[in-house]
C-alpha cells in the first residue's frame, strides 16, 4: 500500500537483420532473469 519497485527496460538494437520481436523478447527475459534488487528496510 505504500512502496513498490518500478521496472524500466530500455532495449537497444545493435544490428537489424529482421525479426526484431523474437530477439527483443529473449533479451528482455534474459535481463529480467539477471535483475538484482537492493535490500530495503523501512523503519516505521
ModelCIF file with pLDDT and N, C-alpha, C, O atoms, coordinates in Angstrom:
data_MODEL
#
_entry.id   MODEL 
#
_entity.id                         1 
_entity.type                       polymer 
_entity.pdbx_number_of_molecules   1 
#
_entity_poly.entity_id                      1 
_entity_poly.type                           'polypeptide(L)' 
_entity_poly.nstd_linkage                   no 
_entity_poly.nstd_monomer                   no 
_entity_poly.pdbx_seq_one_letter_code       
;(UNK)(UNK)(UNK)(UNK)(UNK)(UNK)(UNK)(UNK)(UNK)(UNK)(UNK)(UNK)(UNK)(UNK)(UNK)(UNK)
(UNK)(UNK)(UNK)(UNK)(UNK)(UNK)(UNK)(UNK)(UNK)(UNK)(UNK)(UNK)(UNK)(UNK)(UNK)(UNK)
(UNK)(UNK)(UNK)(UNK)(UNK)(UNK)(UNK)(UNK)(UNK)(UNK)(UNK)(UNK)
;
_entity_poly.pdbx_seq_one_letter_code_can   XXXXXXXXXXXXXXXXXXXXXXXXXXXXXXXXXXXXXXXXXXXX 
_entity_poly.pdbx_strand_id                 A 
#
loop_
_entity_poly_seq.entity_id 
_entity_poly_seq.num 
_entity_poly_seq.mon_id 
_entity_poly_seq.hetero 
1 1  UNK n 
1 2  UNK n 
1 3  UNK n 
1 4  UNK n 
1 5  UNK n 
1 6  UNK n 
1 7  UNK n 
1 8  UNK n 
1 9  UNK n 
1 10 UNK n 
1 11 UNK n 
1 12 UNK n 
1 13 UNK n 
1 14 UNK n 
1 15 UNK n 
1 16 UNK n 
1 17 UNK n 
1 18 UNK n 
1 19 UNK n 
1 20 UNK n 
1 21 UNK n 
1 22 UNK n 
1 23 UNK n 
1 24 UNK n 
1 25 UNK n 
1 26 UNK n 
1 27 UNK n 
1 28 UNK n 
1 29 UNK n 
1 30 UNK n 
1 31 UNK n 
1 32 UNK n 
1 33 UNK n 
1 34 UNK n 
1 35 UNK n 
1 36 UNK n 
1 37 UNK n 
1 38 UNK n 
1 39 UNK n 
1 40 UNK n 
1 41 UNK n 
1 42 UNK n 
1 43 UNK n 
1 44 UNK n 
#
_struct_asym.id          A 
_struct_asym.entity_id   1 
#
loop_
_ma_qa_metric.id 
_ma_qa_metric.mode 
_ma_qa_metric.name 
_ma_qa_metric.software_group_id 
_ma_qa_metric.type 
1 global pLDDT . pLDDT 
2 local  pLDDT . pLDDT 
#
_ma_qa_metric_global.metric_id      1 
_ma_qa_metric_global.metric_value   87.32 
_ma_qa_metric_global.model_id       1 
_ma_qa_metric_global.ordinal_id     1 
#
loop_
_ma_qa_metric_local.label_asym_id 
_ma_qa_metric_local.label_comp_id 
_ma_qa_metric_local.label_seq_id 
_ma_qa_metric_local.metric_id 
_ma_qa_metric_local.metric_value 
_ma_qa_metric_local.model_id 
_ma_qa_metric_local.ordinal_id 
A UNK 1  2 80.00 1 1  
A UNK 2  2 79.00 1 2  
A UNK 3  2 85.00 1 3  
A UNK 4  2 90.00 1 4  
A UNK 5  2 91.00 1 5  
A UNK 6  2 93.00 1 6  
A UNK 7  2 91.00 1 7  
A UNK 8  2 92.00 1 8  
A UNK 9  2 91.00 1 9  
A UNK 10 2 89.00 1 10 
A UNK 11 2 87.00 1 11 
A UNK 12 2 83.00 1 12 
A UNK 13 2 81.00 1 13 
A UNK 14 2 82.00 1 14 
A UNK 15 2 80.00 1 15 
A UNK 16 2 78.00 1 16 
A UNK 17 2 81.00 1 17 
A UNK 18 2 77.00 1 18 
A UNK 19 2 83.00 1 19 
A UNK 20 2 87.00 1 20 
A UNK 21 2 91.00 1 21 
A UNK 22 2 93.00 1 22 
A UNK 23 2 91.00 1 23 
A UNK 24 2 92.00 1 24 
A UNK 25 2 94.00 1 25 
A UNK 26 2 93.00 1 26 
A UNK 27 2 93.00 1 27 
A UNK 28 2 93.00 1 28 
A UNK 29 2 92.00 1 29 
A UNK 30 2 92.00 1 30 
A UNK 31 2 93.00 1 31 
A UNK 32 2 92.00 1 32 
A UNK 33 2 90.00 1 33 
A UNK 34 2 93.00 1 34 
A UNK 35 2 92.00 1 35 
A UNK 36 2 93.00 1 36 
A UNK 37 2 91.00 1 37 
A UNK 38 2 92.00 1 38 
A UNK 39 2 89.00 1 39 
A UNK 40 2 87.00 1 40 
A UNK 41 2 84.00 1 41 
A UNK 42 2 79.00 1 42 
A UNK 43 2 74.00 1 43 
A UNK 44 2 69.00 1 44 
#
loop_
_atom_site.group_PDB 
_atom_site.id 
_atom_site.type_symbol 
_atom_site.label_atom_id 
_atom_site.label_alt_id 
_atom_site.label_comp_id 
_atom_site.label_asym_id 
_atom_site.label_entity_id 
_atom_site.label_seq_id 
_atom_site.pdbx_PDB_ins_code 
_atom_site.Cartn_x 
_atom_site.Cartn_y 
_atom_site.Cartn_z 
_atom_site.occupancy 
_atom_site.B_iso_or_equiv 
_atom_site.pdbx_formal_charge 
_atom_site.auth_seq_id 
_atom_site.auth_comp_id 
_atom_site.auth_asym_id 
_atom_site.auth_atom_id 
_atom_site.pdbx_PDB_model_num 
ATOM 1   N N  . UNK A 1 1  ? 0.778  -1.222  0.000   1.00 80.00 ? 1  UNK A N  1 
ATOM 2   C CA . UNK A 1 1  ? 0.000  0.000   0.000   1.00 80.00 ? 1  UNK A CA 1 
ATOM 3   C C  . UNK A 1 1  ? 0.812  1.275   0.000   1.00 80.00 ? 1  UNK A C  1 
ATOM 4   O O  . UNK A 1 1  ? 0.248  2.369   -0.007  1.00 80.00 ? 1  UNK A O  1 
ATOM 5   N N  . UNK A 1 2  ? 2.137  1.151   0.008   1.00 79.00 ? 2  UNK A N  1 
ATOM 6   C CA . UNK A 1 2  ? 2.972  2.343   0.138   1.00 79.00 ? 2  UNK A CA 1 
ATOM 7   C C  . UNK A 1 2  ? 4.073  2.435   -0.908  1.00 79.00 ? 2  UNK A C  1 
ATOM 8   O O  . UNK A 1 2  ? 4.132  3.399   -1.671  1.00 79.00 ? 2  UNK A O  1 
ATOM 9   N N  . UNK A 1 3  ? 4.956  1.416   -0.942  1.00 85.00 ? 3  UNK A N  1 
ATOM 10  C CA . UNK A 1 3  ? 6.130  1.461   -1.820  1.00 85.00 ? 3  UNK A CA 1 
ATOM 11  C C  . UNK A 1 3  ? 6.209  0.220   -2.695  1.00 85.00 ? 3  UNK A C  1 
ATOM 12  O O  . UNK A 1 3  ? 6.001  -0.900  -2.229  1.00 85.00 ? 3  UNK A O  1 
ATOM 13  N N  . UNK A 1 4  ? 6.513  0.436   -3.977  1.00 90.00 ? 4  UNK A N  1 
ATOM 14  C CA . UNK A 1 4  ? 6.730  -0.664  -4.915  1.00 90.00 ? 4  UNK A CA 1 
ATOM 15  C C  . UNK A 1 4  ? 7.916  -0.325  -5.809  1.00 90.00 ? 4  UNK A C  1 
ATOM 16  O O  . UNK A 1 4  ? 8.268  0.841   -5.989  1.00 90.00 ? 4  UNK A O  1 
ATOM 17  N N  . UNK A 1 5  ? 8.523  -1.372  -6.363  1.00 91.00 ? 5  UNK A N  1 
ATOM 18  C CA . UNK A 1 5  ? 9.565  -1.182  -7.365  1.00 91.00 ? 5  UNK A CA 1 
ATOM 19  C C  . UNK A 1 5  ? 8.901  -0.904  -8.709  1.00 91.00 ? 5  UNK A C  1 
ATOM 20  O O  . UNK A 1 5  ? 7.844  -1.460  -9.007  1.00 91.00 ? 5  UNK A O  1 
ATOM 21  N N  . UNK A 1 6  ? 9.504  -0.063  -9.504  1.00 93.00 ? 6  UNK A N  1 
ATOM 22  C CA . UNK A 1 6  ? 9.080  0.164   -10.885 1.00 93.00 ? 6  UNK A CA 1 
ATOM 23  C C  . UNK A 1 6  ? 10.209 -0.348  -11.772 1.00 93.00 ? 6  UNK A C  1 
ATOM 24  O O  . UNK A 1 6  ? 11.376 -0.028  -11.546 1.00 93.00 ? 6  UNK A O  1 
ATOM 25  N N  . UNK A 1 7  ? 9.868  -1.132  -12.767 1.00 91.00 ? 7  UNK A N  1 
ATOM 26  C CA . UNK A 1 7  ? 10.877 -1.702  -13.660 1.00 91.00 ? 7  UNK A CA 1 
ATOM 27  C C  . UNK A 1 7  ? 10.808 -0.978  -15.006 1.00 91.00 ? 7  UNK A C  1 
ATOM 28  O O  . UNK A 1 7  ? 9.747  -0.889  -15.624 1.00 91.00 ? 7  UNK A O  1 
ATOM 29  N N  . UNK A 1 8  ? 11.936 -0.472  -15.438 1.00 92.00 ? 8  UNK A N  1 
ATOM 30  C CA . UNK A 1 8  ? 12.055 0.144   -16.756 1.00 92.00 ? 8  UNK A CA 1 
ATOM 31  C C  . UNK A 1 8  ? 13.104 -0.633  -17.532 1.00 92.00 ? 8  UNK A C  1 
ATOM 32  O O  . UNK A 1 8  ? 14.185 -0.904  -17.009 1.00 92.00 ? 8  UNK A O  1 
ATOM 33  N N  . UNK A 1 9  ? 12.804 -0.990  -18.759 1.00 91.00 ? 9  UNK A N  1 
ATOM 34  C CA . UNK A 1 9  ? 13.762 -1.726  -19.590 1.00 91.00 ? 9  UNK A CA 1 
ATOM 35  C C  . UNK A 1 9  ? 13.934 -0.984  -20.908 1.00 91.00 ? 9  UNK A C  1 
ATOM 36  O O  . UNK A 1 9  ? 12.967 -0.765  -21.638 1.00 91.00 ? 9  UNK A O  1 
ATOM 37  N N  . UNK A 1 10 ? 15.158 -0.606  -21.205 1.00 89.00 ? 10 UNK A N  1 
ATOM 38  C CA . UNK A 1 10 ? 15.487 0.019   -22.484 1.00 89.00 ? 10 UNK A CA 1 
ATOM 39  C C  . UNK A 1 10 ? 16.230 -1.004  -23.327 1.00 89.00 ? 10 UNK A C  1 
ATOM 40  O O  . UNK A 1 10 ? 17.306 -1.462  -22.942 1.00 89.00 ? 10 UNK A O  1 
ATOM 41  N N  . UNK A 1 11 ? 15.672 -1.362  -24.463 1.00 87.00 ? 11 UNK A N  1 
ATOM 42  C CA . UNK A 1 11 ? 16.326 -2.293  -25.375 1.00 87.00 ? 11 UNK A CA 1 
ATOM 43  C C  . UNK A 1 11 ? 16.901 -1.498  -26.534 1.00 87.00 ? 11 UNK A C  1 
ATOM 44  O O  . UNK A 1 11 ? 16.200 -0.704  -27.161 1.00 87.00 ? 11 UNK A O  1 
ATOM 45  N N  . UNK A 1 12 ? 18.158 -1.711  -26.812 1.00 83.00 ? 12 UNK A N  1 
ATOM 46  C CA . UNK A 1 12 ? 18.832 -1.032  -27.915 1.00 83.00 ? 12 UNK A CA 1 
ATOM 47  C C  . UNK A 1 12 ? 19.139 -2.045  -29.006 1.00 83.00 ? 12 UNK A C  1 
ATOM 48  O O  . UNK A 1 12 ? 19.730 -3.091  -28.740 1.00 83.00 ? 12 UNK A O  1 
ATOM 49  N N  . UNK A 1 13 ? 18.747 -1.741  -30.204 1.00 81.00 ? 13 UNK A N  1 
ATOM 50  C CA . UNK A 1 13 ? 19.018 -2.603  -31.348 1.00 81.00 ? 13 UNK A CA 1 
ATOM 51  C C  . UNK A 1 13 ? 20.421 -2.283  -31.868 1.00 81.00 ? 13 UNK A C  1 
ATOM 52  O O  . UNK A 1 13 ? 20.686 -1.158  -32.291 1.00 81.00 ? 13 UNK A O  1 
ATOM 53  N N  . UNK A 1 14 ? 21.307 -3.259  -31.836 1.00 82.00 ? 14 UNK A N  1 
ATOM 54  C CA . UNK A 1 14 ? 22.675 -3.048  -32.311 1.00 82.00 ? 14 UNK A CA 1 
ATOM 55  C C  . UNK A 1 14 ? 22.824 -3.376  -33.788 1.00 82.00 ? 14 UNK A C  1 
ATOM 56  O O  . UNK A 1 14 ? 23.670 -2.808  -34.479 1.00 82.00 ? 14 UNK A O  1 
ATOM 57  N N  . UNK A 1 15 ? 21.995 -4.298  -34.266 1.00 80.00 ? 15 UNK A N  1 
ATOM 58  C CA . UNK A 1 15 ? 22.062 -4.697  -35.664 1.00 80.00 ? 15 UNK A CA 1 
ATOM 59  C C  . UNK A 1 15 ? 20.689 -5.206  -36.063 1.00 80.00 ? 15 UNK A C  1 
ATOM 60  O O  . UNK A 1 15 ? 20.133 -6.080  -35.398 1.00 80.00 ? 15 UNK A O  1 
ATOM 61  N N  . UNK A 1 16 ? 20.143 -4.671  -37.134 1.00 78.00 ? 16 UNK A N  1 
ATOM 62  C CA . UNK A 1 16 ? 18.813 -5.070  -37.553 1.00 78.00 ? 16 UNK A CA 1 
ATOM 63  C C  . UNK A 1 16 ? 18.896 -5.893  -38.823 1.00 78.00 ? 16 UNK A C  1 
ATOM 64  O O  . UNK A 1 16 ? 19.273 -5.400  -39.886 1.00 78.00 ? 16 UNK A O  1 
ATOM 65  N N  . UNK A 1 17 ? 18.531 -7.169  -38.684 1.00 81.00 ? 17 UNK A N  1 
ATOM 66  C CA . UNK A 1 17 ? 18.509 -8.046  -39.837 1.00 81.00 ? 17 UNK A CA 1 
ATOM 67  C C  . UNK A 1 17 ? 17.144 -8.670  -40.021 1.00 81.00 ? 17 UNK A C  1 
ATOM 68  O O  . UNK A 1 17 ? 16.992 -9.654  -40.745 1.00 81.00 ? 17 UNK A O  1 
ATOM 69  N N  . UNK A 1 18 ? 16.132 -8.084  -39.351 1.00 77.00 ? 18 UNK A N  1 
ATOM 70  C CA . UNK A 1 18 ? 14.793 -8.645  -39.402 1.00 77.00 ? 18 UNK A CA 1 
ATOM 71  C C  . UNK A 1 18 ? 14.455 -9.374  -38.127 1.00 77.00 ? 18 UNK A C  1 
ATOM 72  O O  . UNK A 1 18 ? 15.322 -9.649  -37.298 1.00 77.00 ? 18 UNK A O  1 
ATOM 73  N N  . UNK A 1 19 ? 13.153 -9.691  -37.979 1.00 83.00 ? 19 UNK A N  1 
ATOM 74  C CA . UNK A 1 19 ? 12.660 -10.487 -36.870 1.00 83.00 ? 19 UNK A CA 1 
ATOM 75  C C  . UNK A 1 19 ? 13.063 -9.916  -35.508 1.00 83.00 ? 19 UNK A C  1 
ATOM 76  O O  . UNK A 1 19 ? 13.607 -10.630 -34.665 1.00 83.00 ? 19 UNK A O  1 
ATOM 77  N N  . UNK A 1 20 ? 12.799 -8.651  -35.306 1.00 87.00 ? 20 UNK A N  1 
ATOM 78  C CA . UNK A 1 20 ? 13.223 -7.964  -34.083 1.00 87.00 ? 20 UNK A CA 1 
ATOM 79  C C  . UNK A 1 20 ? 12.424 -8.394  -32.851 1.00 87.00 ? 20 UNK A C  1 
ATOM 80  O O  . UNK A 1 20 ? 12.957 -8.366  -31.742 1.00 87.00 ? 20 UNK A O  1 
ATOM 81  N N  . UNK A 1 21 ? 11.168 -8.789  -33.017 1.00 91.00 ? 21 UNK A N  1 
ATOM 82  C CA . UNK A 1 21 ? 10.325 -9.100  -31.860 1.00 91.00 ? 21 UNK A CA 1 
ATOM 83  C C  . UNK A 1 21 ? 10.819 -10.319 -31.086 1.00 91.00 ? 21 UNK A C  1 
ATOM 84  O O  . UNK A 1 21 ? 10.858 -10.297 -29.855 1.00 91.00 ? 21 UNK A O  1 
ATOM 85  N N  . UNK A 1 22 ? 11.195 -11.378 -31.794 1.00 93.00 ? 22 UNK A N  1 
ATOM 86  C CA . UNK A 1 22 ? 11.688 -12.583 -31.113 1.00 93.00 ? 22 UNK A CA 1 
ATOM 87  C C  . UNK A 1 22 ? 12.950 -12.272 -30.309 1.00 93.00 ? 22 UNK A C  1 
ATOM 88  O O  . UNK A 1 22 ? 13.100 -12.709 -29.168 1.00 93.00 ? 22 UNK A O  1 
ATOM 89  N N  . UNK A 1 23 ? 13.836 -11.523 -30.915 1.00 91.00 ? 23 UNK A N  1 
ATOM 90  C CA . UNK A 1 23 ? 15.088 -11.161 -30.257 1.00 91.00 ? 23 UNK A CA 1 
ATOM 91  C C  . UNK A 1 23 ? 14.831 -10.276 -29.047 1.00 91.00 ? 23 UNK A C  1 
ATOM 92  O O  . UNK A 1 23 ? 15.460 -10.447 -28.003 1.00 91.00 ? 23 UNK A O  1 
ATOM 93  N N  . UNK A 1 24 ? 13.906 -9.329  -29.185 1.00 92.00 ? 24 UNK A N  1 
ATOM 94  C CA . UNK A 1 24 ? 13.595 -8.413  -28.084 1.00 92.00 ? 24 UNK A CA 1 
ATOM 95  C C  . UNK A 1 24 ? 12.997 -9.156  -26.896 1.00 92.00 ? 24 UNK A C  1 
ATOM 96  O O  . UNK A 1 24 ? 13.326 -8.851  -25.750 1.00 92.00 ? 24 UNK A O  1 
ATOM 97  N N  . UNK A 1 25 ? 12.129 -10.118 -27.150 1.00 94.00 ? 25 UNK A N  1 
ATOM 98  C CA . UNK A 1 25 ? 11.541 -10.901 -26.054 1.00 94.00 ? 25 UNK A CA 1 
ATOM 99  C C  . UNK A 1 25 ? 12.631 -11.689 -25.328 1.00 94.00 ? 25 UNK A C  1 
ATOM 100 O O  . UNK A 1 25 ? 12.654 -11.733 -24.098 1.00 94.00 ? 25 UNK A O  1 
ATOM 101 N N  . UNK A 1 26 ? 13.530 -12.308 -26.091 1.00 93.00 ? 26 UNK A N  1 
ATOM 102 C CA . UNK A 1 26 ? 14.623 -13.069 -25.468 1.00 93.00 ? 26 UNK A CA 1 
ATOM 103 C C  . UNK A 1 26 ? 15.520 -12.154 -24.635 1.00 93.00 ? 26 UNK A C  1 
ATOM 104 O O  . UNK A 1 26 ? 15.909 -12.507 -23.522 1.00 93.00 ? 26 UNK A O  1 
ATOM 105 N N  . UNK A 1 27 ? 15.846 -10.981 -25.174 1.00 93.00 ? 27 UNK A N  1 
ATOM 106 C CA . UNK A 1 27 ? 16.717 -10.036 -24.462 1.00 93.00 ? 27 UNK A CA 1 
ATOM 107 C C  . UNK A 1 27 ? 16.044 -9.528  -23.188 1.00 93.00 ? 27 UNK A C  1 
ATOM 108 O O  . UNK A 1 27 ? 16.686 -9.439  -22.141 1.00 93.00 ? 27 UNK A O  1 
ATOM 109 N N  . UNK A 1 28 ? 14.764 -9.195  -23.272 1.00 93.00 ? 28 UNK A N  1 
ATOM 110 C CA . UNK A 1 28 ? 14.044 -8.687  -22.111 1.00 93.00 ? 28 UNK A CA 1 
ATOM 111 C C  . UNK A 1 28 ? 13.933 -9.753  -21.020 1.00 93.00 ? 28 UNK A C  1 
ATOM 112 O O  . UNK A 1 28 ? 14.145 -9.455  -19.845 1.00 93.00 ? 28 UNK A O  1 
ATOM 113 N N  . UNK A 1 29 ? 13.607 -10.979 -21.391 1.00 92.00 ? 29 UNK A N  1 
ATOM 114 C CA . UNK A 1 29 ? 13.511 -12.065 -20.406 1.00 92.00 ? 29 UNK A CA 1 
ATOM 115 C C  . UNK A 1 29 ? 14.875 -12.354 -19.778 1.00 92.00 ? 29 UNK A C  1 
ATOM 116 O O  . UNK A 1 29 ? 14.958 -12.615 -18.578 1.00 92.00 ? 29 UNK A O  1 
ATOM 117 N N  . UNK A 1 30 ? 15.935 -12.310 -20.568 1.00 92.00 ? 30 UNK A N  1 
ATOM 118 C CA . UNK A 1 30 ? 17.281 -12.530 -20.023 1.00 92.00 ? 30 UNK A CA 1 
ATOM 119 C C  . UNK A 1 30 ? 17.639 -11.431 -19.024 1.00 92.00 ? 30 UNK A C  1 
ATOM 120 O O  . UNK A 1 30 ? 18.225 -11.708 -17.978 1.00 92.00 ? 30 UNK A O  1 
ATOM 121 N N  . UNK A 1 31 ? 17.288 -10.189 -19.344 1.00 93.00 ? 31 UNK A N  1 
ATOM 122 C CA . UNK A 1 31 ? 17.566 -9.076  -18.434 1.00 93.00 ? 31 UNK A CA 1 
ATOM 123 C C  . UNK A 1 31 ? 16.776 -9.231  -17.135 1.00 93.00 ? 31 UNK A C  1 
ATOM 124 O O  . UNK A 1 31 ? 17.310 -8.995  -16.051 1.00 93.00 ? 31 UNK A O  1 
ATOM 125 N N  . UNK A 1 32 ? 15.514 -9.624  -17.240 1.00 92.00 ? 32 UNK A N  1 
ATOM 126 C CA . UNK A 1 32 ? 14.695 -9.808  -16.040 1.00 92.00 ? 32 UNK A CA 1 
ATOM 127 C C  . UNK A 1 32 ? 15.225 -10.958 -15.171 1.00 92.00 ? 32 UNK A C  1 
ATOM 128 O O  . UNK A 1 32 ? 15.212 -10.869 -13.943 1.00 92.00 ? 32 UNK A O  1 
ATOM 129 N N  . UNK A 1 33 ? 15.690 -12.035 -15.817 1.00 90.00 ? 33 UNK A N  1 
ATOM 130 C CA . UNK A 1 33 ? 16.250 -13.158 -15.065 1.00 90.00 ? 33 UNK A CA 1 
ATOM 131 C C  . UNK A 1 33 ? 17.534 -12.773 -14.337 1.00 90.00 ? 33 UNK A C  1 
ATOM 132 O O  . UNK A 1 33 ? 17.853 -13.337 -13.291 1.00 90.00 ? 33 UNK A O  1 
ATOM 133 N N  . UNK A 1 34 ? 18.268 -11.810 -14.893 1.00 93.00 ? 34 UNK A N  1 
ATOM 134 C CA . UNK A 1 34 ? 19.540 -11.390 -14.322 1.00 93.00 ? 34 UNK A CA 1 
ATOM 135 C C  . UNK A 1 34 ? 19.388 -10.228 -13.327 1.00 93.00 ? 34 UNK A C  1 
ATOM 136 O O  . UNK A 1 34 ? 20.350 -9.860  -12.653 1.00 93.00 ? 34 UNK A O  1 
ATOM 137 N N  . UNK A 1 35 ? 18.193 -9.660  -13.235 1.00 92.00 ? 35 UNK A N  1 
ATOM 138 C CA . UNK A 1 35 ? 17.970 -8.474  -12.416 1.00 92.00 ? 35 UNK A CA 1 
ATOM 139 C C  . UNK A 1 35 ? 18.139 -8.772  -10.935 1.00 92.00 ? 35 UNK A C  1 
ATOM 140 O O  . UNK A 1 35 ? 17.658 -9.784  -10.425 1.00 92.00 ? 35 UNK A O  1 
ATOM 141 N N  . UNK A 1 36 ? 18.842 -7.854  -10.248 1.00 93.00 ? 36 UNK A N  1 
ATOM 142 C CA . UNK A 1 36 ? 19.026 -7.947  -8.805  1.00 93.00 ? 36 UNK A CA 1 
ATOM 143 C C  . UNK A 1 36 ? 18.534 -6.637  -8.184  1.00 93.00 ? 36 UNK A C  1 
ATOM 144 O O  . UNK A 1 36 ? 18.794 -5.554  -8.708  1.00 93.00 ? 36 UNK A O  1 
ATOM 145 N N  . UNK A 1 37 ? 17.825 -6.753  -7.069  1.00 91.00 ? 37 UNK A N  1 
ATOM 146 C CA . UNK A 1 37 ? 17.299 -5.578  -6.379  1.00 91.00 ? 37 UNK A CA 1 
ATOM 147 C C  . UNK A 1 37 ? 17.996 -5.426  -5.037  1.00 91.00 ? 37 UNK A C  1 
ATOM 148 O O  . UNK A 1 37 ? 18.289 -6.424  -4.378  1.00 91.00 ? 37 UNK A O  1 
ATOM 149 N N  . UNK A 1 38 ? 18.267 -4.191  -4.619  1.00 92.00 ? 38 UNK A N  1 
ATOM 150 C CA . UNK A 1 38 ? 18.890 -3.994  -3.306  1.00 92.00 ? 38 UNK A CA 1 
ATOM 151 C C  . UNK A 1 38 ? 17.910 -4.289  -2.170  1.00 92.00 ? 38 UNK A C  1 
ATOM 152 O O  . UNK A 1 38 ? 16.695 -4.167  -2.328  1.00 92.00 ? 38 UNK A O  1 
ATOM 153 N N  . UNK A 1 39 ? 18.451 -4.668  -1.053  1.00 89.00 ? 39 UNK A N  1 
ATOM 154 C CA . UNK A 1 39 ? 17.636 -4.928  0.139   1.00 89.00 ? 39 UNK A CA 1 
ATOM 155 C C  . UNK A 1 39 ? 17.146 -3.593  0.688   1.00 89.00 ? 39 UNK A C  1 
ATOM 156 O O  . UNK A 1 39 ? 17.928 -2.653  0.830   1.00 89.00 ? 39 UNK A O  1 
ATOM 157 N N  . UNK A 1 40 ? 15.852 -3.507  0.996   1.00 87.00 ? 40 UNK A N  1 
ATOM 158 C CA . UNK A 1 40 ? 15.255 -2.278  1.525   1.00 87.00 ? 40 UNK A CA 1 
ATOM 159 C C  . UNK A 1 40 ? 14.588 -2.584  2.850   1.00 87.00 ? 40 UNK A C  1 
ATOM 160 O O  . UNK A 1 40 ? 13.847 -3.558  2.982   1.00 87.00 ? 40 UNK A O  1 
ATOM 161 N N  . UNK A 1 41 ? 14.866 -1.733  3.832   1.00 84.00 ? 41 UNK A N  1 
ATOM 162 C CA . UNK A 1 41 ? 14.220 -1.836  5.136   1.00 84.00 ? 41 UNK A CA 1 
ATOM 163 C C  . UNK A 1 41 ? 13.535 -0.520  5.431   1.00 84.00 ? 41 UNK A C  1 
ATOM 164 O O  . UNK A 1 41 ? 14.092 0.551   5.191   1.00 84.00 ? 41 UNK A O  1 
ATOM 165 N N  . UNK A 1 42 ? 12.318 -0.607  5.954   1.00 79.00 ? 42 UNK A N  1 
ATOM 166 C CA . UNK A 1 42 ? 11.589 0.589   6.329   1.00 79.00 ? 42 UNK A CA 1 
ATOM 167 C C  . UNK A 1 42 ? 11.298 0.508   7.811   1.00 79.00 ? 42 UNK A C  1 
ATOM 168 O O  . UNK A 1 42 ? 10.650 -0.422  8.291   1.00 79.00 ? 42 UNK A O  1 
ATOM 169 N N  . UNK A 1 43 ? 11.791 1.499   8.520   1.00 74.00 ? 43 UNK A N  1 
ATOM 170 C CA . UNK A 1 43 ? 11.567 1.540   9.957   1.00 74.00 ? 43 UNK A CA 1 
ATOM 171 C C  . UNK A 1 43 ? 10.432 2.535   10.198  1.00 74.00 ? 43 UNK A C  1 
ATOM 172 O O  . UNK A 1 43 ? 10.590 3.737   9.983   1.00 74.00 ? 43 UNK A O  1 
ATOM 173 N N  . UNK A 1 44 ? 9.302  2.025   10.641  1.00 69.00 ? 44 UNK A N  1 
ATOM 174 C CA . UNK A 1 44 ? 8.154  2.892   10.898  1.00 69.00 ? 44 UNK A CA 1 
ATOM 175 C C  . UNK A 1 44 ? 8.407  3.741   12.130  1.00 69.00 ? 44 UNK A C  1 
ATOM 176 O O  . UNK A 1 44 ? 7.554  4.540   12.515  1.00 69.00 ? 44 UNK A O  1 
#
